[in-house]
Every structure is written in structure tokens, then in C-alpha cells.
C-alpha atoms as a PDB file:
ATOM      1  CA  MET A   1       7.084   8.092  35.248  1.00  0.00           C
ATOM      2  CA  SER A   2       8.590   9.725  38.719  1.00  0.00           C
ATOM      3  CA  ASP A   3       7.376  13.192  39.504  1.00  0.00           C
ATOM      4  CA  LYS A   4      10.673  13.552  41.213  1.00  0.00           C
ATOM      5  CA  LYS A   5      13.380  15.031  38.394  1.00  0.00           C
ATOM      6  CA  ALA A   6      17.006  15.406  38.299  1.00  0.00           C
ATOM      7  CA  VAL A   7      19.307  16.364  36.175  1.00  0.00           C
ATOM      8  CA  ILE A   8      22.503  13.631  35.562  1.00  0.00           C
ATOM      9  CA  LEU A   9      25.386  14.990  34.333  1.00  0.00           C
ATOM     10  CA  VAL A  10      26.828  11.513  31.734  1.00  0.00           C
ATOM     11  CA  SER A  11      30.195  11.728  30.989  1.00  0.00           C
ATOM     12  CA  GLY A  12      29.592   8.723  29.302  1.00  0.00           C
ATOM     13  CA  GLY A  13      32.698   7.089  31.804  1.00  0.00           C
ATOM     14  CA  LEU A  14      32.481   4.716  34.498  1.00  0.00           C
ATOM     15  CA  ASP A  15      31.794   7.428  37.681  1.00  0.00           C
ATOM     16  CA  SER A  16      28.698   8.853  35.351  1.00  0.00           C
ATOM     17  CA  ALA A  17      26.878   5.742  34.448  1.00  0.00           C
ATOM     18  CA  THR A  18      27.061   4.426  38.386  1.00  0.00           C
ATOM     19  CA  VAL A  19      25.655   7.696  39.280  1.00  0.00           C
ATOM     20  CA  LEU A  20      22.426   7.736  36.888  1.00  0.00           C
ATOM     21  CA  ALA A  21      21.937   3.924  38.191  1.00  0.00           C
ATOM     22  CA  MET A  22      22.013   5.593  41.720  1.00  0.00           C
ATOM     23  CA  ALA A  23      19.720   8.249  40.628  1.00  0.00           C
ATOM     24  CA  ILE A  24      17.478   5.857  38.977  1.00  0.00           C
ATOM     25  CA  ALA A  25      17.421   3.255  42.178  1.00  0.00           C
ATOM     26  CA  GLU A  26      16.169   6.372  43.928  1.00  0.00           C
ATOM     27  CA  GLY A  27      13.319   6.608  42.279  1.00  0.00           C
ATOM     28  CA  TYR A  28      14.309   9.515  40.187  1.00  0.00           C
ATOM     29  CA  SER A  29      12.949  10.406  36.327  1.00  0.00           C
ATOM     30  CA  CYS A  30      16.399  11.450  34.910  1.00  0.00           C
ATOM     31  CA  TYR A  31      17.491  13.743  32.046  1.00  0.00           C
ATOM     32  CA  THR A  32      21.218  13.440  31.703  1.00  0.00           C
ATOM     33  CA  LEU A  33      23.089  16.113  29.879  1.00  0.00           C
ATOM     34  CA  GLY A  34      26.541  15.324  27.855  1.00  0.00           C
ATOM     35  CA  PHE A  35      28.882  18.111  26.666  1.00  0.00           C
ATOM     36  CA  ASP A  36      30.680  18.312  23.286  1.00  0.00           C
ATOM     37  CA  TYR A  37      33.666  20.862  24.534  1.00  0.00           C
ATOM     38  CA  GLY A  38      36.127  20.573  22.238  1.00  0.00           C
ATOM     39  CA  GLN A  39      37.703  17.488  23.638  1.00  0.00           C
ATOM     40  CA  ARG A  40      39.923  14.974  21.984  1.00  0.00           C
ATOM     41  CA  THR A  41      37.773  12.025  22.246  1.00  0.00           C
ATOM     42  CA  HIS A  42      33.552  12.123  21.044  1.00  0.00           C
ATOM     43  CA  SER A  43      33.666   8.379  21.533  1.00  0.00           C
ATOM     44  CA  GLU A  44      32.906   9.068  25.215  1.00  0.00           C
ATOM     45  CA  LEU A  45      29.936  11.273  23.911  1.00  0.00           C
ATOM     46  CA  VAL A  46      28.321   8.196  21.991  1.00  0.00           C
ATOM     47  CA  ALA A  47      28.929   6.116  24.966  1.00  0.00           C
ATOM     48  CA  ALA A  48      27.054   8.735  27.019  1.00  0.00           C
ATOM     49  CA  LYS A  49      24.169   8.834  24.327  1.00  0.00           C
ATOM     50  CA  LYS A  50      23.851   4.711  24.585  1.00  0.00           C
ATOM     51  CA  ILE A  51      23.926   4.797  28.541  1.00  0.00           C
ATOM     52  CA  SER A  52      21.141   7.149  28.692  1.00  0.00           C
ATOM     53  CA  ALA A  53      19.182   5.487  26.048  1.00  0.00           C
ATOM     54  CA  GLN A  54      19.804   2.099  27.332  1.00  0.00           C
ATOM     55  CA  MET A  55      19.164   2.900  31.071  1.00  0.00           C
ATOM     56  CA  GLY A  56      15.983   4.810  30.733  1.00  0.00           C
ATOM     57  CA  ALA A  57      16.760   8.073  30.922  1.00  0.00           C
ATOM     58  CA  VAL A  58      13.534  10.537  30.273  1.00  0.00           C
ATOM     59  CA  GLU A  59      15.885  12.630  27.722  1.00  0.00           C
ATOM     60  CA  HIS A  60      19.868  13.558  26.874  1.00  0.00           C
ATOM     61  CA  LYS A  61      20.879  16.776  25.549  1.00  0.00           C
ATOM     62  CA  VAL A  62      24.304  17.267  24.367  1.00  0.00           C
ATOM     63  CA  ILE A  63      25.434  21.070  24.734  1.00  0.00           C
ATOM     64  CA  LYS A  64      28.079  21.946  22.362  1.00  0.00           C
ATOM     65  CA  LEU A  65      30.740  24.214  23.650  1.00  0.00           C
ATOM     66  CA  ASP A  66      34.243  24.978  22.430  1.00  0.00           C
ATOM     67  CA  LEU A  67      36.351  25.076  25.337  1.00  0.00           C
ATOM     68  CA  SER A  68      39.686  24.559  23.113  1.00  0.00           C
ATOM     69  CA  SER A  69      39.341  28.047  21.782  1.00  0.00           C
ATOM     70  CA  ILE A  70      40.934  28.858  25.010  1.00  0.00           C
ATOM     71  CA  GLY A  71      42.992  25.569  25.967  1.00  0.00           C
ATOM     72  CA  GLY A  72      44.803  25.463  28.529  1.00  0.00           C
ATOM     73  CA  SER A  73      44.174  21.405  29.221  1.00  0.00           C
ATOM     74  CA  ALA A  74      45.694  18.294  27.805  1.00  0.00           C
ATOM     75  CA  LEU A  75      42.043  17.216  26.619  1.00  0.00           C
ATOM     76  CA  THR A  76      41.213  19.960  25.122  1.00  0.00           C
ATOM     77  CA  ASP A  77      44.408  21.496  23.908  1.00  0.00           C
ATOM     78  CA  ASP A  78      46.092  19.400  20.924  1.00  0.00           C
ATOM     79  CA  ASP A  79      49.922  20.955  21.908  1.00  0.00           C
ATOM     80  CA  ILE A  80      49.515  19.140  25.346  1.00  0.00           C
ATOM     81  CA  GLU A  81      49.939  15.656  25.097  1.00  0.00           C
ATOM     82  CA  VAL A  82      48.490  13.514  27.341  1.00  0.00           C
ATOM     83  CA  PRO A  83      50.637  11.961  30.235  1.00  0.00           C
ATOM     84  CA  GLU A  84      51.207   8.206  31.167  1.00  0.00           C
ATOM     85  CA  HIS A  85      49.903   7.749  34.368  1.00  0.00           C
ATOM     86  CA  ASP A  86      52.611   8.400  37.602  1.00  0.00           C
ATOM     87  CA  ASP A  87      52.296   7.070  40.845  1.00  0.00           C
ATOM     88  CA  ASP A  88      54.671   9.976  41.726  1.00  0.00           C
ATOM     89  CA  ALA A  89      53.006  12.875  40.119  1.00  0.00           C
ATOM     90  CA  GLN A  90      51.836  15.823  42.511  1.00  0.00           C
ATOM     91  CA  GLY A  91      50.066  18.984  42.008  1.00  0.00           C
ATOM     92  CA  ILE A  92      46.863  19.216  39.584  1.00  0.00           C
ATOM     93  CA  PRO A  93      47.318  17.256  36.225  1.00  0.00           C
ATOM     94  CA  VAL A  94      47.505  18.942  32.906  1.00  0.00           C
ATOM     95  CA  THR A  95      44.274  17.122  32.043  1.00  0.00           C
ATOM     96  CA  TYR A  96      42.378  19.261  34.683  1.00  0.00           C
ATOM     97  CA  VAL A  97      40.369  21.548  32.357  1.00  0.00           C
ATOM     98  CA  PRO A  98      40.051  24.864  33.398  1.00  0.00           C
ATOM     99  CA  ALA A  99      36.622  26.391  35.226  1.00  0.00           C
ATOM    100  CA  ARG A 100      34.661  22.875  33.290  1.00  0.00           C
ATOM    101  CA  ASN A 101      32.840  21.695  36.447  1.00  0.00           C
ATOM    102  CA  THR A 102      31.580  25.230  36.806  1.00  0.00           C
ATOM    103  CA  VAL A 103      30.300  25.333  33.134  1.00  0.00           C
ATOM    104  CA  PHE A 104      28.912  22.492  33.035  1.00  0.00           C
ATOM    105  CA  LEU A 105      26.844  22.566  36.189  1.00  0.00           C
ATOM    106  CA  SER A 106      25.921  26.399  35.183  1.00  0.00           C
ATOM    107  CA  ILE A 107      24.300  24.356  32.151  1.00  0.00           C
ATOM    108  CA  ALA A 108      22.558  22.126  34.243  1.00  0.00           C
ATOM    109  CA  LEU A 109      21.427  24.347  36.760  1.00  0.00           C
ATOM    110  CA  GLY A 110      19.408  26.323  34.029  1.00  0.00           C
ATOM    111  CA  TRP A 111      17.998  23.026  32.654  1.00  0.00           C
ATOM    112  CA  ALA A 112      17.215  22.361  36.272  1.00  0.00           C
ATOM    113  CA  GLU A 113      14.962  25.391  36.663  1.00  0.00           C
ATOM    114  CA  VAL A 114      13.444  24.589  32.994  1.00  0.00           C
ATOM    115  CA  LEU A 115      12.141  21.354  34.549  1.00  0.00           C
ATOM    116  CA  GLY A 116      11.231  22.082  37.772  1.00  0.00           C
ATOM    117  CA  ALA A 117      14.066  19.238  38.907  1.00  0.00           C
ATOM    118  CA  ASN A 118      15.506  20.232  42.153  1.00  0.00           C
ATOM    119  CA  ASP A 119      18.787  17.941  41.985  1.00  0.00           C
ATOM    120  CA  ILE A 120      21.289  17.513  40.026  1.00  0.00           C
ATOM    121  CA  PHE A 121      23.238  15.058  39.953  1.00  0.00           C
ATOM    122  CA  ILE A 122      27.273  14.787  38.966  1.00  0.00           C
ATOM    123  CA  GLY A 123      30.047  11.902  39.734  1.00  0.00           C
ATOM    124  CA  VAL A 124      33.004  14.292  41.065  1.00  0.00           C
ATOM    125  CA  ASN A 125      34.772  12.108  43.630  1.00  0.00           C
ATOM    126  CA  ALA A 126      37.577  13.326  46.748  1.00  0.00           C
ATOM    127  CA  VAL A 127      39.114   9.702  46.629  1.00  0.00           C
ATOM    128  CA  ASP A 128      40.638   9.384  43.162  1.00  0.00           C
ATOM    129  CA  TYR A 129      39.761  12.449  41.853  1.00  0.00           C
ATOM    130  CA  SER A 130      43.491  13.306  40.535  1.00  0.00           C
ATOM    131  CA  GLY A 131      43.890  16.297  42.055  1.00  0.00           C
ATOM    132  CA  TYR A 132      41.752  18.454  40.182  1.00  0.00           C
ATOM    133  CA  PRO A 133      40.055  21.384  42.155  1.00  0.00           C
ATOM    134  CA  ASP A 134      36.399  21.218  41.176  1.00  0.00           C
ATOM    135  CA  CYS A 135      36.480  17.815  42.024  1.00  0.00           C
ATOM    136  CA  ARG A 136      36.616  18.680  46.061  1.00  0.00           C
ATOM    137  CA  PRO A 137      33.396  18.775  48.684  1.00  0.00           C
ATOM    138  CA  ASP A 138      34.076  22.439  49.415  1.00  0.00           C
ATOM    139  CA  TYR A 139      33.758  23.175  45.676  1.00  0.00           C
ATOM    140  CA  ILE A 140      30.550  21.555  45.254  1.00  0.00           C
ATOM    141  CA  ASP A 141      29.082  23.155  48.815  1.00  0.00           C
ATOM    142  CA  ALA A 142      30.123  26.438  47.746  1.00  0.00           C
ATOM    143  CA  TYR A 143      28.661  25.944  44.404  1.00  0.00           C
ATOM    144  CA  GLU A 144      25.561  24.688  45.616  1.00  0.00           C
ATOM    145  CA  LYS A 145      25.080  27.822  48.129  1.00  0.00           C
ATOM    146  CA  MET A 146      25.207  30.222  44.705  1.00  0.00           C
ATOM    147  CA  ALA A 147      22.758  28.321  42.911  1.00  0.00           C
ATOM    148  CA  ASN A 148      19.936  29.022  45.826  1.00  0.00           C
ATOM    149  CA  LEU A 149      21.490  32.543  45.318  1.00  0.00           C
ATOM    150  CA  ALA A 150      21.006  32.924  42.013  1.00  0.00           C
ATOM    151  CA  THR A 151      17.903  30.912  40.944  1.00  0.00           C
ATOM    152  CA  LYS A 152      14.463  31.471  41.307  1.00  0.00           C
ATOM    153  CA  VAL A 153      13.016  28.327  42.750  1.00  0.00           C
ATOM    154  CA  GLY A 154      16.113  29.475  45.421  1.00  0.00           C
ATOM    155  CA  VAL A 155      14.707  33.132  45.826  1.00  0.00           C
ATOM    156  CA  GLU A 156      11.040  31.965  46.120  1.00  0.00           C
ATOM    157  CA  GLY A 157      11.856  29.049  49.321  1.00  0.00           C
ATOM    158  CA  GLY A 158      12.782  26.483  47.340  1.00  0.00           C
ATOM    159  CA  ARG A 159      15.883  24.250  47.654  1.00  0.00           C
ATOM    160  CA  LEU A 160      18.701  23.141  44.536  1.00  0.00           C
ATOM    161  CA  LYS A 161      20.619  20.434  46.052  1.00  0.00           C
ATOM    162  CA  ILE A 162      23.920  19.196  44.092  1.00  0.00           C
ATOM    163  CA  ARG A 163      24.403  15.343  44.533  1.00  0.00           C
ATOM    164  CA  THR A 164      27.403  13.441  44.839  1.00  0.00           C
ATOM    165  CA  PRO A 165      26.813  10.088  45.472  1.00  0.00           C
ATOM    166  CA  LEU A 166      30.462   9.131  44.372  1.00  0.00           C
ATOM    167  CA  MET A 167      32.217  12.134  46.605  1.00  0.00           C
ATOM    168  CA  HIS A 168      33.771   9.598  49.423  1.00  0.00           C
ATOM    169  CA  LEU A 169      33.940   5.972  47.638  1.00  0.00           C
ATOM    170  CA  THR A 170      36.890   4.444  45.913  1.00  0.00           C
ATOM    171  CA  LYS A 171      36.959   3.294  42.575  1.00  0.00           C
ATOM    172  CA  GLY A 172      36.383  -0.201  43.700  1.00  0.00           C
ATOM    173  CA  GLU A 173      33.754   0.389  45.583  1.00  0.00           C
ATOM    174  CA  ILE A 174      32.471   2.544  42.775  1.00  0.00           C
ATOM    175  CA  ALA A 175      32.039  -0.078  40.486  1.00  0.00           C
ATOM    176  CA  GLN A 176      30.788  -3.006  43.162  1.00  0.00           C
ATOM    177  CA  ARG A 177      27.792  -0.347  43.527  1.00  0.00           C
ATOM    178  CA  GLY A 178      27.175   0.085  39.936  1.00  0.00           C
ATOM    179  CA  ALA A 179      27.956  -3.589  39.042  1.00  0.00           C
ATOM    180  CA  GLU A 180      24.948  -4.312  42.024  1.00  0.00           C
ATOM    181  CA  LEU A 181      23.221  -2.344  40.088  1.00  0.00           C
ATOM    182  CA  GLY A 182      22.846  -3.794  36.813  1.00  0.00           C
ATOM    183  CA  VAL A 183      25.312  -1.094  35.202  1.00  0.00           C
ATOM    184  CA  ASP A 184      27.324  -2.419  31.887  1.00  0.00           C
ATOM    185  CA  TYR A 185      30.555  -0.358  31.776  1.00  0.00           C
ATOM    186  CA  SER A 186      31.250  -2.792  28.618  1.00  0.00           C
ATOM    187  CA  LEU A 187      28.962   0.674  26.801  1.00  0.00           C
ATOM    188  CA  THR A 188      31.225   3.488  29.211  1.00  0.00           C
ATOM    189  CA  VAL A 189      34.273   5.272  27.979  1.00  0.00           C
ATOM    190  CA  SER A 190      36.790   6.547  30.256  1.00  0.00           C
ATOM    191  CA  CYS A 191      40.179   7.274  28.075  1.00  0.00           C
ATOM    192  CA  TYR A 192      41.578  10.539  28.264  1.00  0.00           C
ATOM    193  CA  GLN A 193      42.042   9.863  24.467  1.00  0.00           C
ATOM    194  CA  ALA A 194      40.288   7.005  23.533  1.00  0.00           C
ATOM    195  CA  ASN A 195      40.070   6.422  19.640  1.00  0.00           C
ATOM    196  CA  GLU A 196      36.566   7.138  17.571  1.00  0.00           C
ATOM    197  CA  ARG A 197      35.970   3.478  17.860  1.00  0.00           C
ATOM    198  CA  GLY A 198      36.349   3.793  22.105  1.00  0.00           C
ATOM    199  CA  GLU A 199      39.307   1.886  22.338  1.00  0.00           C
ATOM    200  CA  ALA A 200      41.177   2.931  25.392  1.00  0.00           C
ATOM    201  CA  CYS A 201      45.379   3.473  25.647  1.00  0.00           C
ATOM    202  CA  GLY A 202      45.714   2.020  28.908  1.00  0.00           C
ATOM    203  CA  LYS A 203      48.240   4.178  29.974  1.00  0.00           C
ATOM    204  CA  CYS A 204      46.752   7.260  31.225  1.00  0.00           C
ATOM    205  CA  ASP A 205      45.630   8.442  34.749  1.00  0.00           C
ATOM    206  CA  SER A 206      42.184   7.358  34.284  1.00  0.00           C
ATOM    207  CA  CYS A 207      42.448   4.009  32.363  1.00  0.00           C
ATOM    208  CA  TYR A 208      44.959   3.068  35.209  1.00  0.00           C
ATOM    209  CA  LEU A 209      41.813   4.503  37.833  1.00  0.00           C
ATOM    210  CA  ARG A 210      39.173   2.220  36.079  1.00  0.00           C
ATOM    211  CA  LYS A 211      41.670  -0.658  35.538  1.00  0.00           C
ATOM    212  CA  GLU A 212      42.489  -0.873  39.135  1.00  0.00           C
ATOM    213  CA  GLY A 213      38.479  -0.088  40.317  1.00  0.00           C
ATOM    214  CA  PHE A 214      37.537  -3.577  38.519  1.00  0.00           C
ATOM    215  CA  GLU A 215      40.464  -4.942  40.119  1.00  0.00           C
ATOM    216  CA  GLN A 216      39.580  -3.908  43.729  1.00  0.00           C
ATOM    217  CA  ALA A 217      36.067  -4.821  42.753  1.00  0.00           C
ATOM    218  CA  GLY A 218      36.773  -8.202  42.405  1.00  0.00           C
ATOM    219  CA  LEU A 219      35.229  -8.013  38.687  1.00  0.00           C
ATOM    220  CA  PRO A 220      36.493  -8.232  34.994  1.00  0.00           C
ATOM    221  CA  ASP A 221      37.799  -5.532  33.074  1.00  0.00           C
ATOM    222  CA  PRO A 222      35.058  -4.899  30.432  1.00  0.00           C
ATOM    223  CA  THR A 223      37.331  -2.233  28.773  1.00  0.00           C
ATOM    224  CA  ARG A 224      37.838  -1.997  24.956  1.00  0.00           C
ATOM    225  CA  TYR A 225      42.020  -1.284  24.838  1.00  0.00           C
ATOM    226  CA  VAL A 226      44.039  -0.289  21.777  1.00  0.00           C
ATOM    227  CA  ASN A 227      45.629  -3.323  20.067  1.00  0.00           C
ATOM    228  CA  HIS A 228      44.093  -6.017  22.353  1.00  0.00           C
END
């Protein structure tokens, strides 16, 4: 096991599986972290556990939160429908979960301190990011600065890094990189409203971007769709 440790946020989807593979390729001992936060689909949690085990993570934790208690997103509020993909849609979509990455990164930061890990990997992307404000480079830079002000390791002269290796890649480039690293994308679940068997709707933004990514990369789409 490498002495170089990292905490990897793993949602069960294509992006986070690729990030995990990239961290492993860099020689990190990887500790994966998922969240049961009141989201519509729990099949992504099953996928995250399978991916972490299959790829050799040292440990996988699932933190239970209840962001559905504040709602405000189609992913955490059953009264808000998940929209179908629309090329002409503008603004921040209703699938944005308020403060989600801030909450997730804060818990990852705490675990990193406990483990003595200086790196936290997250699969945010500024190219195909669906308009989410907490996926932008400026946000990550600001969070990293805060993390080094707020932690024991930062105060004592160490440095914590928020690693975003997918930030400037297209979905096709992400899929291609993961394929080169041996990621089994058939294990992943990206759909915003996948059923309990992990079958995707094929209509939401996440399904659209995922399918487009495989097409761009010239790879077969291993996604299991409802009624297919």
C-alpha cells in the first residue's frame, strides 16, 4: 500500500469512476467516500460500492445525510420533476442540489485530516458541467484556500489539495481516459432517476451527456436503459 493517501468522492457515475482510476494510476492509496443524501436513486450507492471494491480502494465509506429535508432540487424533492434534456435550456437547472459539493467536500476534508491524506479528488467538470455553480474552477480554488485556513495541517505548514483532473475535459475525453485505465463503465450509474436495478431513463441531462461521451470517444455504450 502506498504511503501517499487520497480521499476520492465516488458517486457511482462515469466521472467519479474515472477520477478513481486516475488517482490509482498516480500511485495513491485511495479511500472512497459516497453519500446517501436523500437523492432519488440509491442504485448509484450500490454502484459506488462495487466500483470502489473492483478498483481496489483501501476503504469505502457511505455518509448518511438528509438534504431532502431542505429540498430545492429535483434530485432531493419528489415534488420537482427531473426534466428531459433540452439543448436550449439556460441558467442553473433544477437538478442542482444547493450546497451539495460544499457539504461533501467538507466531510471529505475531515476524513482526509484523520487519515493524514493531503489530496481530495472530485470529478467536477467545467466543460459538461450542466450549469452547476459548485463545479467551476473559481469555486474549487476558493474551497482549497478555505481548507488550508481551516485545518490543523494547513495551520502547521502542510498543504491540502483539491484535485480536479476532469475539470477541462469533454465527456468524450473522460470516457476515453477511463477506458485506457480499464474502468468498467457497465458498473456505473449516472442517471438522475435510475431505478433500483440501476437502469437509466435515457432522457435526463446526465443520460444525454453520458451517451454523447461514449459516442465522442468511439466506445460502445454499456448503459442499461429502462425497457431496453
